[in-house]
Protein backbone atom coordinates (compact mmCIF):
# COMPACT_ATOMS: atom_id res chain seq x y z
CA UNK A 1 134.00 113.75 107.04
CA UNK A 2 131.16 115.70 105.78
CA UNK A 3 127.84 114.44 106.96
CA UNK A 4 124.24 115.20 106.15
CA UNK A 5 122.40 114.75 109.64
CA UNK A 6 118.88 114.81 108.07
CA UNK A 7 118.32 111.12 107.70
CA UNK A 8 119.65 110.01 111.18
CA UNK A 9 117.73 113.24 112.91
CA UNK A 10 114.58 111.96 111.38
CA UNK A 11 114.96 108.30 111.96
CA UNK A 12 116.05 108.62 115.39
CA UNK A 13 113.29 111.07 116.32
CA UNK A 14 110.74 108.60 114.95
CA UNK A 15 112.32 105.75 116.79
CA UNK A 16 112.73 107.62 120.01
CA UNK A 17 109.01 108.56 119.96
CA UNK A 18 107.45 105.17 119.11
CA UNK A 19 109.57 103.53 121.61
CA UNK A 20 108.46 106.15 124.27
CA UNK A 21 104.88 105.68 123.26
CA UNK A 22 105.22 101.96 123.87
CA UNK A 23 107.05 101.98 127.14
CA UNK A 24 104.26 104.37 128.20
CA UNK A 25 101.66 102.01 127.08
CA UNK A 26 103.56 99.12 128.71
CA UNK A 27 103.80 100.62 132.09
CA UNK A 28 100.45 101.97 132.23
CA UNK A 29 98.64 98.71 131.11
CA UNK A 30 98.18 97.92 127.57
CA UNK A 31 94.80 99.15 126.04
CA UNK A 32 92.43 96.34 124.87
CA UNK A 33 92.60 92.81 125.90
CA UNK A 34 96.03 90.97 125.92
CA UNK A 35 96.82 87.25 125.14
CA UNK A 36 94.76 87.37 121.95
CA UNK A 37 97.56 87.93 119.43
CA UNK A 38 101.18 86.42 118.80
CA UNK A 39 100.12 82.90 119.99
CA UNK A 40 101.35 81.09 117.15
CA UNK A 41 104.93 82.34 117.64
CA UNK A 42 105.91 79.78 120.41
CA UNK A 43 107.12 81.82 123.32
CA UNK A 44 105.04 81.66 126.52
CA UNK A 45 103.43 84.78 127.55
CA UNK A 46 104.79 86.52 130.78
CA UNK A 47 102.94 88.24 133.48
CA UNK A 48 105.02 91.61 133.14
CA UNK A 49 104.57 94.39 130.68
CA UNK A 50 106.43 92.74 128.05
CA UNK A 51 104.68 89.44 127.19
CA UNK A 52 107.11 87.81 124.94
CA UNK A 53 110.42 89.23 125.74
CA UNK A 54 112.60 87.35 123.33
CA UNK A 55 110.17 88.04 120.42
CA UNK A 56 109.83 91.69 121.58
CA UNK A 57 113.61 92.75 122.08
CA UNK A 58 114.92 90.91 118.77
CA UNK A 59 113.02 93.73 116.86
CA UNK A 60 115.54 96.12 117.91
CA UNK A 61 117.53 94.55 115.13
CA UNK A 62 115.27 96.40 112.55
CA UNK A 63 115.85 99.67 114.41
CA UNK A 64 119.64 99.23 114.45
CA UNK A 65 119.42 98.60 110.75
CA UNK A 66 117.26 101.68 110.22
CA UNK A 67 119.93 103.77 112.10
CA UNK A 68 122.72 102.34 110.10
CA UNK A 69 121.04 103.06 106.90
CA UNK A 70 120.34 106.68 108.14
CA UNK A 71 123.93 107.14 109.01
CA UNK A 72 125.33 105.49 105.62
CA UNK A 73 122.83 107.78 103.82
CA UNK A 74 123.70 110.88 105.61
CA UNK A 75 127.48 110.20 104.32
CA UNK A 76 126.19 109.78 100.64
CA UNK A 77 124.21 112.96 100.86
CA UNK A 78 127.12 114.95 101.82
CA UNK A 79 129.28 113.89 99.00
CA UNK A 80 129.55 116.19 95.88
CA UNK A 81 126.28 116.39 94.25
CA UNK A 82 125.60 114.08 91.42
CA UNK A 83 123.50 114.82 88.21
CA UNK A 84 119.88 114.93 88.74
CA UNK A 85 119.39 111.51 86.84
CA UNK A 86 121.74 109.64 89.25
CA UNK A 87 120.68 107.34 91.90
CA UNK A 88 118.07 108.74 94.22
CA UNK A 89 118.93 106.51 96.96
CA UNK A 90 122.37 108.21 97.03
CA UNK A 91 121.54 111.72 96.05
CA UNK A 92 117.86 112.16 97.74
CA UNK A 93 116.75 112.83 101.26
CA UNK A 94 113.33 111.76 100.54
CA UNK A 95 114.16 108.39 99.64
CA UNK A 96 116.89 107.47 102.00
CA UNK A 97 115.18 108.82 104.72
CA UNK A 98 111.45 107.21 104.16
CA UNK A 99 113.16 103.85 103.60
CA UNK A 100 115.13 104.03 106.87
CA UNK A 101 112.02 105.10 108.64
CA UNK A 102 110.07 101.98 107.15
CA UNK A 103 112.95 99.78 109.02
CA UNK A 104 112.02 101.50 112.36
CA UNK A 105 108.31 101.04 111.64
CA UNK A 106 108.76 97.29 111.18
CA UNK A 107 110.64 96.86 114.45
CA UNK A 108 108.20 99.10 116.66
CA UNK A 109 105.21 97.41 114.85
CA UNK A 110 106.56 94.09 115.59
CA UNK A 111 107.60 95.01 119.13
CA UNK A 112 104.04 96.38 119.97
CA UNK A 113 102.32 93.00 118.97
CA UNK A 114 104.84 90.67 120.81
CA UNK A 115 105.04 93.01 123.80
CA UNK A 116 101.30 93.60 124.25
CA UNK A 117 99.77 90.69 122.32
CA UNK A 118 96.73 92.62 121.72
CA UNK A 119 94.54 92.49 118.51
CA UNK A 120 95.56 96.21 117.89
CA UNK A 121 99.37 95.38 118.14
CA UNK A 122 98.83 92.47 115.62
CA UNK A 123 97.41 94.91 113.30
CA UNK A 124 100.24 97.40 113.69
CA UNK A 125 102.57 94.65 113.13
CA UNK A 126 101.17 93.76 109.67
CA UNK A 127 100.56 96.95 108.46
CA UNK A 128 104.14 97.93 109.22
CA UNK A 129 105.33 95.11 107.09
CA UNK A 130 102.91 96.12 104.55
CA UNK A 131 104.39 99.83 104.56
CA UNK A 132 107.79 98.27 103.86
CA UNK A 133 106.80 96.26 100.97
CA UNK A 134 104.70 98.91 99.43
CA UNK A 135 107.86 101.35 99.55
CA UNK A 136 109.87 98.73 97.61
CA UNK A 137 107.00 98.22 95.34
CA UNK A 138 106.36 101.99 94.72
CA UNK A 139 110.22 102.64 94.21
CA UNK A 140 110.26 100.01 91.35
CA UNK A 141 107.32 100.97 89.97
CA UNK A 142 108.54 104.65 89.70
CA UNK A 143 111.84 103.66 88.14
CA UNK A 144 110.12 101.40 85.70
CA UNK A 145 108.46 104.44 84.25
CA UNK A 146 111.62 106.18 83.86
CA UNK A 147 111.31 108.65 86.57
CA UNK A 148 113.26 109.74 89.82
CA UNK A 149 110.56 111.86 91.39
CA UNK A 150 109.06 111.54 94.93
CA UNK A 151 105.78 112.52 93.47
CA UNK A 152 105.63 109.56 91.08
CA UNK A 153 106.56 107.22 93.99
CA UNK A 154 103.81 108.65 96.14
CA UNK A 155 101.51 108.08 93.18
CA UNK A 156 102.29 104.39 93.64
CA UNK A 157 102.77 104.33 97.27
CA UNK A 158 99.63 106.42 98.69
CA UNK A 159 97.00 104.20 97.04
CA UNK A 160 98.37 100.80 97.76
CA UNK A 161 99.21 101.80 101.42
CA UNK A 162 95.53 103.28 101.82
CA UNK A 163 93.97 100.13 100.58
CA UNK A 164 96.22 98.02 102.85
CA UNK A 165 95.00 100.18 105.83
CA UNK A 166 91.59 99.65 104.98
CA UNK A 167 92.17 95.78 104.99
CA UNK A 168 94.08 95.96 108.13
CA UNK A 169 92.05 98.26 110.43
CA UNK A 170 88.59 98.42 109.21
CA UNK A 171 86.66 95.32 110.36
CA UNK A 172 85.88 93.42 107.14
CA UNK A 173 84.96 89.77 107.09
CA UNK A 174 87.49 88.12 104.69
CA UNK A 175 88.24 84.45 104.44
CA UNK A 176 90.86 82.46 102.44
CA UNK A 177 93.80 85.36 101.51
CA UNK A 178 95.43 86.05 104.66
CA UNK A 179 97.53 89.16 105.44
CA UNK A 180 100.75 86.89 105.67
CA UNK A 181 99.80 85.70 102.24
CA UNK A 182 99.40 89.07 100.93
CA UNK A 183 102.42 90.31 102.45
CA UNK A 184 104.14 87.63 100.46
CA UNK A 185 102.73 88.38 97.26
CA UNK A 186 103.62 91.95 97.71
CA UNK A 187 107.35 91.09 98.38
CA UNK A 188 106.96 88.64 95.30
CA UNK A 189 105.62 91.47 93.15
CA UNK A 190 108.31 94.08 94.22
CA UNK A 191 110.90 91.64 93.39
CA UNK A 192 109.63 91.06 89.95
CA UNK A 193 108.83 94.45 89.12
CA UNK A 194 112.40 95.18 90.13
CA UNK A 195 113.95 92.59 87.74
CA UNK A 196 111.80 93.91 85.05
CA UNK A 197 112.95 97.50 85.56
CA UNK A 198 116.59 96.33 86.01
CA UNK A 199 116.49 94.46 82.66
CA UNK A 200 114.31 97.11 80.70
CA UNK A 201 116.94 99.71 81.95
CA UNK A 202 120.24 97.89 81.58
CA UNK A 203 121.62 99.62 78.67
CA UNK A 204 121.56 102.80 80.88
CA UNK A 205 121.66 101.77 84.30
CA UNK A 206 123.15 98.62 86.16
CA UNK A 207 122.89 97.35 89.88
CA UNK A 208 124.49 94.79 92.04
CA UNK A 209 122.32 91.97 91.80
CA UNK A 210 124.07 89.96 94.45
CA UNK A 211 122.87 92.23 97.05
CA UNK A 212 119.21 91.41 95.91
CA UNK A 213 120.19 87.84 96.13
CA UNK A 214 121.41 88.27 99.69
CA UNK A 215 118.14 89.99 100.46
CA UNK A 216 116.10 87.07 99.37
CA UNK A 217 118.48 84.55 101.01
CA UNK A 218 118.31 86.26 104.47
CA UNK A 219 114.54 86.29 104.05
CA UNK A 220 114.37 82.54 103.08
CA UNK A 221 116.60 81.72 106.10
CA UNK A 222 114.72 83.76 108.41
CA UNK A 223 111.36 81.81 107.17
CA UNK A 224 113.35 78.64 107.52
CA UNK A 225 114.38 79.42 111.17
CA UNK A 226 110.78 80.28 112.03
CA UNK A 227 108.63 77.56 110.35
CA UNK A 228 109.77 74.83 112.66
CA UNK A 229 109.64 77.15 115.71
CA UNK A 230 105.90 77.99 115.54
CA UNK A 231 103.77 76.65 118.34
CA UNK A 232 103.61 73.30 118.20
CA UNK A 233 106.65 72.90 115.88
CA UNK A 234 109.86 70.74 116.56
CA UNK A 235 112.04 73.64 117.54
CA UNK A 236 109.65 75.35 119.70
CA UNK A 237 110.49 75.84 123.25
CA UNK A 238 108.08 78.05 124.77
CA UNK A 239 109.62 78.85 128.22
CA UNK A 240 113.33 79.48 126.69
CA UNK A 241 114.74 82.98 125.48
CA UNK A 242 115.87 80.94 122.34
CA UNK A 243 113.13 81.79 119.98
CA UNK A 244 113.10 80.84 116.24
CA UNK A 245 110.78 83.85 115.67
CA UNK A 246 113.51 86.11 117.31
CA UNK A 247 116.00 84.91 114.77
CA UNK A 248 113.39 85.65 112.03
CA UNK A 249 113.44 89.29 113.22
CA UNK A 250 117.09 89.66 113.30
CA UNK A 251 117.73 87.79 109.97
CA UNK A 252 114.69 89.74 108.28
CA UNK A 253 116.58 92.78 109.37
CA UNK A 254 119.37 91.90 107.42
CA UNK A 255 117.17 91.60 104.52
CA UNK A 256 115.92 95.10 104.97
CA UNK A 257 119.68 96.12 104.98
CA UNK A 258 120.73 94.46 101.98
CA UNK A 259 117.51 95.73 99.84
CA UNK A 260 118.95 99.32 100.51
CA UNK A 261 122.34 98.13 99.52
CA UNK A 262 120.82 96.93 96.19
CA UNK A 263 118.98 100.29 95.71
CA UNK A 264 122.13 102.15 96.56
CA UNK A 265 124.11 100.21 93.96
CA UNK A 266 122.28 101.37 91.05
CA UNK A 267 124.59 103.37 88.74
CA UNK A 268 124.65 105.12 85.06
CA UNK A 269 126.84 103.11 82.57
CA UNK A 270 125.59 104.97 79.48
CA UNK A 271 124.44 108.48 78.86
CA UNK A 272 120.51 108.72 78.26
CA UNK A 273 119.33 110.46 75.29
CA UNK A 274 116.76 112.49 77.31
CA UNK A 275 118.22 113.15 80.68
CA UNK A 276 115.48 115.82 81.36
CA UNK A 277 112.96 113.13 81.44
CA UNK A 278 114.57 111.67 84.48
CA UNK A 279 114.66 114.01 87.50
CA UNK A 280 114.66 114.05 91.53
CA UNK A 281 112.71 116.54 93.01
CA UNK A 282 113.78 115.88 96.50
């Protein structure tokens, strides 16, 4: 079977480099003060280099999903080339690889917070989630304007990602609307924009909406597992390796997978009058 190694090579390299960096920081002593983040996720802080083992290692689910997406994408990319107006998740190295990398970033970012319980780890965690949500938002925005072009995608992605980076990493005094609220808003906006895009283009393109439904279902199930498992909640067992937040990680990784499957399911159902207006440049 033919296989394009580009997505899996890039995704694996990013995963290995980030994992090695986190291992180095853990073994040499986490920079910054520990025990200042991840305190509302129930699990008791251990004295070793990994402060919350269950909540840390469960993030490998995101990495496993990222690797699986990269392998699947490699098989798609090796198939006979489709026309330039076809689904970019199937035909473009850029989109398949960058999406797989966002999955790895979530796993490593969340792992950094739960392993170190430092303030910077918390910032890396929330920003990795923002990057994934911004990818989904940028991709839907690109499709809404009728293009399949990485430059159009980046025109959406870069400004939003930059503003979110300022919010997370620059010390600003903010009240009211928290980072978790903002992440939820980004997800809702991405879903809303995707639905608008789908129904605006349904004469020409169709998608398997059930995949998007499964993505939302996994996300809601993850939230339902985590909510009563927060510190002080009825399902919080601080010293146990059973952690509702660890289940949140695993189920959320499933949501990341179904978002990919939804994007991959887009297919042409009616020829476009102006195919030249929709191109892929990757």
